[in-house]
Protein backbone atom coordinates (compact mmCIF):
# COMPACT_ATOMS: atom_id res chain seq x y z
CA MET A 1 47.49 -51.76 -77.71
CA ASP A 2 48.02 -49.37 -80.64
CA LYS A 3 48.07 -46.45 -78.22
CA VAL A 4 50.68 -48.18 -76.05
CA GLU A 5 52.86 -48.89 -79.09
CA HIS A 6 52.49 -45.28 -80.21
CA LEU A 7 53.55 -44.00 -76.78
CA ALA A 8 56.49 -46.42 -76.65
CA LYS A 9 57.66 -45.21 -80.07
CA LYS A 10 57.33 -41.60 -78.95
CA ILE A 11 59.44 -42.32 -75.85
CA ARG A 12 62.14 -44.03 -77.93
CA ILE A 13 62.30 -41.10 -80.35
CA ASN A 14 62.55 -38.63 -77.49
CA ASN A 15 65.30 -40.65 -75.77
CA ASP A 16 67.26 -40.90 -79.01
CA TYR A 17 67.00 -37.13 -79.40
CA ILE A 18 68.23 -36.51 -75.84
CA ASN A 19 71.07 -38.97 -76.37
CA GLU A 20 72.16 -37.14 -79.52
CA LYS A 21 72.06 -33.76 -77.81
CA ALA A 22 73.97 -35.14 -74.82
CA ARG A 23 76.83 -36.20 -77.09
CA SER A 24 77.17 -32.62 -78.29
CA MET A 25 77.52 -31.47 -74.66
CA ARG A 26 80.40 -33.77 -73.70
CA SER A 27 82.61 -30.74 -73.08
CA ILE A 28 80.94 -30.20 -69.69
CA ALA A 29 81.86 -33.72 -68.50
CA VAL A 30 85.01 -34.16 -66.41
CA PRO A 31 86.49 -37.26 -64.75
CA VAL A 32 86.08 -37.99 -61.05
CA SER A 33 88.89 -39.78 -59.29
CA SER A 34 88.37 -42.48 -56.69
CA SER A 35 90.49 -42.55 -53.57
CA ALA A 36 90.96 -44.47 -50.35
CA ILE A 37 88.65 -43.12 -47.66
CA ASN A 38 90.18 -42.14 -44.34
CA LEU A 39 87.79 -39.79 -42.63
CA SER A 40 84.81 -39.21 -40.38
CA VAL A 41 81.62 -38.66 -42.36
CA CYS A 42 78.20 -37.78 -40.99
CA ALA A 43 74.80 -37.95 -42.65
CA VAL A 44 71.28 -36.93 -41.67
CA ASP A 45 67.85 -37.80 -42.98
CA GLY A 46 64.36 -37.20 -41.68
CA GLY A 47 61.05 -39.00 -41.59
CA LEU A 48 57.73 -37.15 -41.73
CA LEU A 49 54.02 -37.90 -41.57
CA ALA A 50 51.29 -35.31 -42.05
CA HIS A 51 47.56 -35.37 -41.42
CA ARG A 52 44.69 -32.88 -41.28
CA MET A 53 42.07 -33.47 -38.61
CA HIS A 54 39.14 -31.16 -37.80
CA GLY A 55 40.89 -28.17 -39.37
CA VAL A 56 44.19 -28.86 -37.61
CA ASP A 57 47.33 -29.73 -39.58
CA ILE A 58 49.44 -32.25 -37.68
CA VAL A 59 53.03 -33.04 -38.61
CA VAL A 60 54.96 -35.88 -37.00
CA SER A 61 58.70 -35.84 -37.63
CA ARG A 62 62.05 -37.14 -36.53
CA SER A 63 65.60 -36.95 -37.84
CA VAL A 64 68.45 -39.39 -37.38
CA GLY A 65 72.13 -38.63 -37.75
CA VAL A 66 74.78 -41.23 -38.45
CA ASN A 67 78.56 -41.06 -38.06
CA PHE A 68 80.78 -43.46 -40.03
CA ILE A 69 84.54 -43.59 -39.50
CA TYR A 70 86.53 -45.07 -42.38
CA GLU A 71 90.10 -46.32 -42.40
CA ASN A 72 91.54 -47.45 -45.74
CA SER A 73 87.97 -47.42 -47.13
CA LYS A 74 86.78 -49.84 -44.46
CA LEU A 75 84.10 -48.91 -41.95
CA THR A 76 85.75 -49.23 -38.53
CA LYS A 77 83.26 -47.45 -36.26
CA TYR A 78 79.74 -46.04 -36.42
CA ASP A 79 77.27 -44.25 -34.19
CA HIS A 80 73.71 -42.86 -34.33
CA HIS A 81 72.46 -39.52 -33.02
CA PRO A 82 70.40 -38.93 -30.95
CA SER A 83 69.74 -42.68 -31.20
CA LYS A 84 68.92 -45.30 -33.79
CA SER A 85 65.19 -44.86 -33.18
CA PRO A 86 64.52 -41.50 -31.48
CA GLN A 87 61.17 -40.22 -30.27
CA THR A 88 59.06 -38.33 -32.78
CA GLU A 89 58.19 -34.64 -32.55
CA ILE A 90 54.64 -33.35 -33.07
CA ASP A 91 53.84 -29.91 -34.52
CA ILE A 92 50.40 -28.48 -35.24
CA LYS A 93 48.92 -25.45 -36.96
CA THR A 94 45.31 -24.41 -37.46
CA ALA A 95 43.46 -22.71 -40.32
CA LEU A 96 46.13 -23.24 -43.00
CA ASP A 97 45.18 -23.37 -46.68
CA ASP A 98 46.57 -26.14 -48.90
CA HIS A 99 49.68 -24.23 -49.95
CA GLU A 100 50.47 -23.13 -46.39
CA ALA A 101 50.01 -26.70 -45.18
CA ASN A 102 52.65 -27.90 -47.65
CA VAL A 103 55.01 -25.09 -46.61
CA PHE A 104 54.43 -25.99 -42.96
CA LYS A 105 55.37 -29.63 -43.61
CA SER A 106 58.51 -28.64 -45.47
CA LEU A 107 59.68 -26.17 -42.82
CA VAL A 108 59.10 -28.65 -40.00
CA ARG A 109 61.17 -31.22 -41.88
CA LEU A 110 63.97 -28.74 -42.54
CA LYS A 111 64.02 -27.55 -38.93
CA SER A 112 64.30 -31.14 -37.72
CA GLU A 113 67.01 -32.16 -40.20
CA ILE A 114 69.18 -29.03 -39.99
CA SER A 115 68.97 -29.03 -36.17
CA CYS A 116 70.19 -32.62 -36.21
CA ALA A 117 72.93 -31.72 -38.71
CA ASN A 118 74.23 -28.96 -36.44
CA GLU A 119 74.24 -31.33 -33.49
CA LEU A 120 76.29 -33.81 -35.53
CA LEU A 121 78.83 -31.09 -36.33
CA ASP A 122 79.22 -30.21 -32.66
CA LYS A 123 79.39 -33.81 -31.49
CA TYR A 124 81.59 -35.54 -34.10
CA ARG A 125 83.50 -32.75 -35.90
CA PRO A 126 83.32 -34.68 -39.21
CA ASP A 127 85.33 -34.02 -42.36
CA LEU A 128 82.21 -34.39 -44.50
CA LEU A 129 78.50 -33.90 -43.78
CA LEU A 130 75.82 -35.28 -46.10
CA ILE A 131 72.17 -34.22 -46.10
CA ASP A 132 69.47 -36.09 -47.99
CA GLY A 133 67.93 -33.53 -50.34
CA SER A 134 68.72 -29.96 -51.26
CA LEU A 135 70.82 -27.73 -49.02
CA LEU A 136 68.21 -24.96 -49.12
CA PRO A 137 64.43 -24.60 -49.07
CA LEU A 138 62.71 -24.54 -52.43
CA PRO A 139 61.33 -21.14 -53.49
CA SER A 140 57.82 -22.53 -53.05
CA ASP A 141 58.64 -23.30 -49.40
CA ILE A 142 59.33 -19.68 -48.48
CA PRO A 143 56.29 -18.05 -46.82
CA SER A 144 55.44 -14.38 -47.19
CA LYS A 145 56.44 -12.01 -44.39
CA GLU A 146 52.76 -11.66 -43.47
CA SER A 147 52.30 -15.40 -43.04
CA GLU A 148 52.09 -16.94 -39.58
CA LEU A 149 54.71 -19.39 -40.84
CA HIS A 150 57.29 -16.64 -41.39
CA PRO A 151 58.74 -16.87 -37.83
CA LEU A 152 59.30 -20.60 -38.39
CA TYR A 153 61.06 -19.81 -41.67
CA VAL A 154 63.31 -17.27 -39.90
CA GLU A 155 64.14 -19.90 -37.28
CA VAL A 156 65.07 -22.40 -40.00
CA MET A 157 67.29 -19.88 -41.78
CA LYS A 158 69.19 -19.18 -38.55
CA LEU A 159 69.89 -22.91 -38.32
CA TYR A 160 71.24 -22.76 -41.88
CA GLU A 161 73.56 -19.89 -40.94
CA LYS A 162 75.18 -22.09 -38.30
CA LEU A 163 75.35 -25.03 -40.71
CA PHE A 164 77.05 -22.97 -43.42
CA ALA A 165 79.68 -21.75 -40.94
CA ALA A 166 80.85 -25.34 -40.42
CA GLU A 167 84.54 -26.15 -40.84
CA CYS A 168 83.85 -29.14 -43.04
CA ILE A 169 82.47 -29.90 -46.48
CA VAL A 170 78.66 -29.92 -46.53
CA CYS A 171 76.79 -31.65 -49.36
CA GLY A 172 73.14 -32.09 -50.27
CA ILE A 173 72.49 -35.32 -52.21
CA ILE A 174 69.43 -35.59 -54.47
CA LYS A 175 68.68 -38.97 -56.07
CA ASP A 176 65.98 -37.97 -58.55
CA SER A 177 66.26 -34.28 -59.28
CA ARG A 178 63.69 -32.57 -61.51
CA ALA A 179 65.88 -29.48 -61.92
CA ARG A 180 66.31 -28.18 -65.47
CA ARG A 181 69.38 -26.00 -65.52
CA LEU A 182 71.91 -27.50 -67.92
CA SER A 183 69.98 -27.13 -71.18
CA ASP A 184 66.67 -26.10 -72.71
CA LEU A 185 65.70 -29.70 -73.48
CA LYS A 186 62.33 -30.92 -72.25
CA CYS A 187 63.83 -33.27 -69.69
CA SER A 188 65.36 -33.04 -66.23
CA ASP A 189 69.08 -32.59 -65.73
CA SER A 190 69.18 -36.07 -64.17
CA VAL A 191 67.83 -37.66 -67.36
CA LEU A 192 70.12 -35.59 -69.57
CA CYS A 193 73.16 -36.51 -67.48
CA SER A 194 72.27 -40.21 -67.60
CA TYR A 195 73.09 -39.99 -71.34
CA LEU A 196 75.83 -37.39 -71.02
CA LEU A 197 77.95 -38.98 -68.29
CA GLN A 198 79.85 -42.23 -68.09
CA LYS A 199 80.57 -43.97 -64.79
CA GLY A 200 83.30 -42.04 -62.99
CA GLU A 201 82.40 -38.67 -64.51
CA ARG A 202 80.70 -35.51 -63.32
CA THR A 203 79.54 -32.28 -64.87
CA LYS A 204 81.50 -29.08 -64.45
CA GLU A 205 80.13 -27.28 -61.42
CA VAL A 206 77.70 -24.39 -61.74
CA GLY A 207 76.46 -21.91 -59.15
CA TYR A 208 73.37 -22.80 -57.15
CA LEU A 209 71.87 -19.47 -58.17
CA ASP A 210 71.41 -18.36 -61.74
CA GLU A 211 72.46 -14.91 -62.91
CA LYS A 212 68.96 -13.51 -62.51
CA ASN A 213 68.83 -14.42 -58.83
CA ASN A 214 72.39 -13.83 -57.71
CA GLU A 215 71.63 -11.86 -54.57
CA SER A 216 74.73 -11.47 -52.42
CA ALA A 217 72.71 -11.81 -49.21
CA PHE A 218 71.12 -15.10 -50.22
CA PRO A 219 72.71 -18.00 -48.29
CA GLY A 220 73.07 -20.11 -51.42
CA LYS A 221 75.60 -17.82 -53.09
CA ASN A 222 78.58 -20.07 -52.25
CA ILE A 223 76.92 -23.39 -53.11
CA LYS A 224 78.04 -25.19 -56.26
CA VAL A 225 76.11 -27.90 -58.11
CA THR A 226 77.43 -30.88 -60.03
CA TYR A 227 76.01 -34.20 -61.27
CA ILE A 228 78.06 -37.32 -60.49
CA LYS A 229 77.59 -40.78 -62.00
CA PRO A 230 78.93 -43.38 -59.54
CA ALA A 231 77.11 -46.40 -61.05
CA LYS A 232 76.89 -47.53 -64.65
CA ASP A 233 73.17 -48.41 -64.66
CA ASP A 234 71.81 -45.79 -62.25
CA LEU A 235 70.89 -42.14 -62.70
CA PRO A 236 73.53 -39.58 -61.71
CA LEU A 237 73.31 -37.88 -58.34
CA ARG A 238 72.73 -34.15 -58.09
CA VAL A 239 75.24 -32.92 -55.50
CA GLU A 240 75.05 -29.46 -53.94
CA ILE A 241 78.40 -28.60 -52.40
CA LEU A 242 79.51 -26.04 -49.85
CA GLY A 243 83.29 -26.33 -49.81
CA ASP A 244 85.99 -27.84 -52.03
CA VAL A 245 84.18 -29.15 -55.11
CA GLU A 246 86.98 -31.42 -56.34
CA LYS A 247 87.52 -33.05 -52.95
CA ALA A 248 83.78 -33.39 -52.32
CA SER A 249 83.23 -35.00 -55.73
CA THR A 250 85.99 -37.54 -55.11
CA LEU A 251 84.58 -38.45 -51.69
CA ILE A 252 80.97 -38.71 -52.89
CA TYR A 253 82.02 -40.91 -55.81
CA SER A 254 84.10 -43.16 -53.56
CA LEU A 255 81.29 -43.45 -50.98
CA SER A 256 78.57 -44.09 -53.58
CA ALA A 257 80.08 -46.81 -55.76
CA ILE A 258 78.06 -49.55 -54.07
CA SER A 259 77.02 -51.49 -57.19
CA GLU A 260 76.58 -51.04 -60.94
CA ARG A 261 72.83 -50.54 -60.50
CA PHE A 262 72.65 -48.39 -57.40
CA GLY A 263 74.94 -45.47 -56.70
CA TYR A 264 74.27 -43.77 -53.37
CA PRO A 265 76.27 -43.23 -50.16
CA ALA A 266 75.76 -46.15 -47.76
CA ILE A 267 75.65 -43.78 -44.79
CA LEU A 268 72.60 -42.00 -46.23
CA ILE A 269 70.88 -45.34 -46.75
CA GLU A 270 71.42 -46.08 -43.06
CA ALA A 271 70.07 -42.66 -42.02
CA ASP A 272 67.01 -43.10 -44.23
CA MET A 273 66.18 -46.55 -42.81
CA CYS A 274 66.46 -45.29 -39.23
CA ALA A 275 64.42 -42.11 -39.80
CA ALA A 276 61.53 -43.73 -41.69
CA LEU A 277 58.15 -43.54 -39.94
CA ASP A 278 55.30 -46.05 -39.97
CA ALA A 279 51.97 -44.65 -41.22
CA THR A 280 50.21 -46.37 -38.31
CA GLU A 281 51.78 -43.79 -35.98
CA ILE A 282 49.56 -41.03 -37.36
CA GLU A 283 46.51 -43.27 -37.00
CA SER A 284 47.25 -43.94 -33.33
CA LEU A 285 47.83 -40.24 -32.75
CA GLU A 286 44.50 -39.33 -34.36
CA ILE A 287 42.63 -41.79 -32.13
CA SER A 288 44.34 -40.41 -29.01
CA LEU A 289 43.73 -36.77 -29.93
CA SER A 290 40.09 -37.39 -30.79
CA SER A 291 39.52 -39.13 -27.49
CA LEU A 292 41.30 -36.53 -25.36
CA ALA A 293 39.76 -33.55 -27.19
CA GLY A 294 36.26 -35.04 -27.15
CA LEU A 295 35.94 -34.94 -30.94
CA LYS A 296 33.40 -36.99 -32.83
CA PRO A 297 34.59 -39.26 -35.65
CA LEU A 298 34.29 -37.72 -39.12
CA ARG A 299 31.52 -39.00 -41.33
CA ARG A 300 33.98 -40.01 -44.05
CA ASN A 301 35.24 -42.74 -41.72
CA PHE A 302 31.82 -44.40 -41.81
CA ARG A 303 30.62 -43.92 -45.39
CA PRO A 304 28.73 -46.99 -46.69
CA PHE A 305 30.30 -46.84 -50.16
CA ARG A 306 33.64 -46.10 -51.82
């Protein structure tokens, strides 16, 4: 119990320190206005399951797009693309190491989601497009040019080129960001901004790229980042914006003010619920593949102890 009390005290001291530092940074906080919503907004999210079987990495994925049409802030019409519960896609690779397997999973997810996003743009011509997660792959998700995954990465980046040419505002929404860009404190920007921002405020936007990585050819050069606090008792959202920052911030805030304890766009909640996959799907797939390929069950499935 003494150790628990010691840790609790340490957490309180650290939080008090962050709170104090956040007060000194209030100059980067700006108000966000709320407005009546009269627009077509689309959102996309993906579901993914991964499994390794007999040296083969299997990824099961699907993405669901949603279109909401608002009039005077009331939802008047909605639609799902390609459907509310579409068929899953199966991708496999052999002989990948652990790092490559993680990159493979990430690229498959991005390919699925960005393909769906582009289809939404063509089909609905929305004013605003929301994507769950970052607008670009993480640096750790970029394979070397010698990797067998590099062609997949090139394919994904071509999909991004089409996405970034869209004639609408495109935003990536991250609920729990671990990014550390706004200060040198030993905490994430999300935690810092939970002390820094009041409901109805955001941080001044910064470039997606820092000065050390500001390559003109990199597709993230026009993306801006801000943190928005739409709910009093919830962490701020990290919002990556391609387009008008002020307009995007107003729309995200207006769409996310669901309750005092949960601030997140309702349309992304709908996309997430539709795209989610059941873990039993990978189990059924493993049984089918083993049977069709004539593979013997692995010994770990029959071990007599845990």
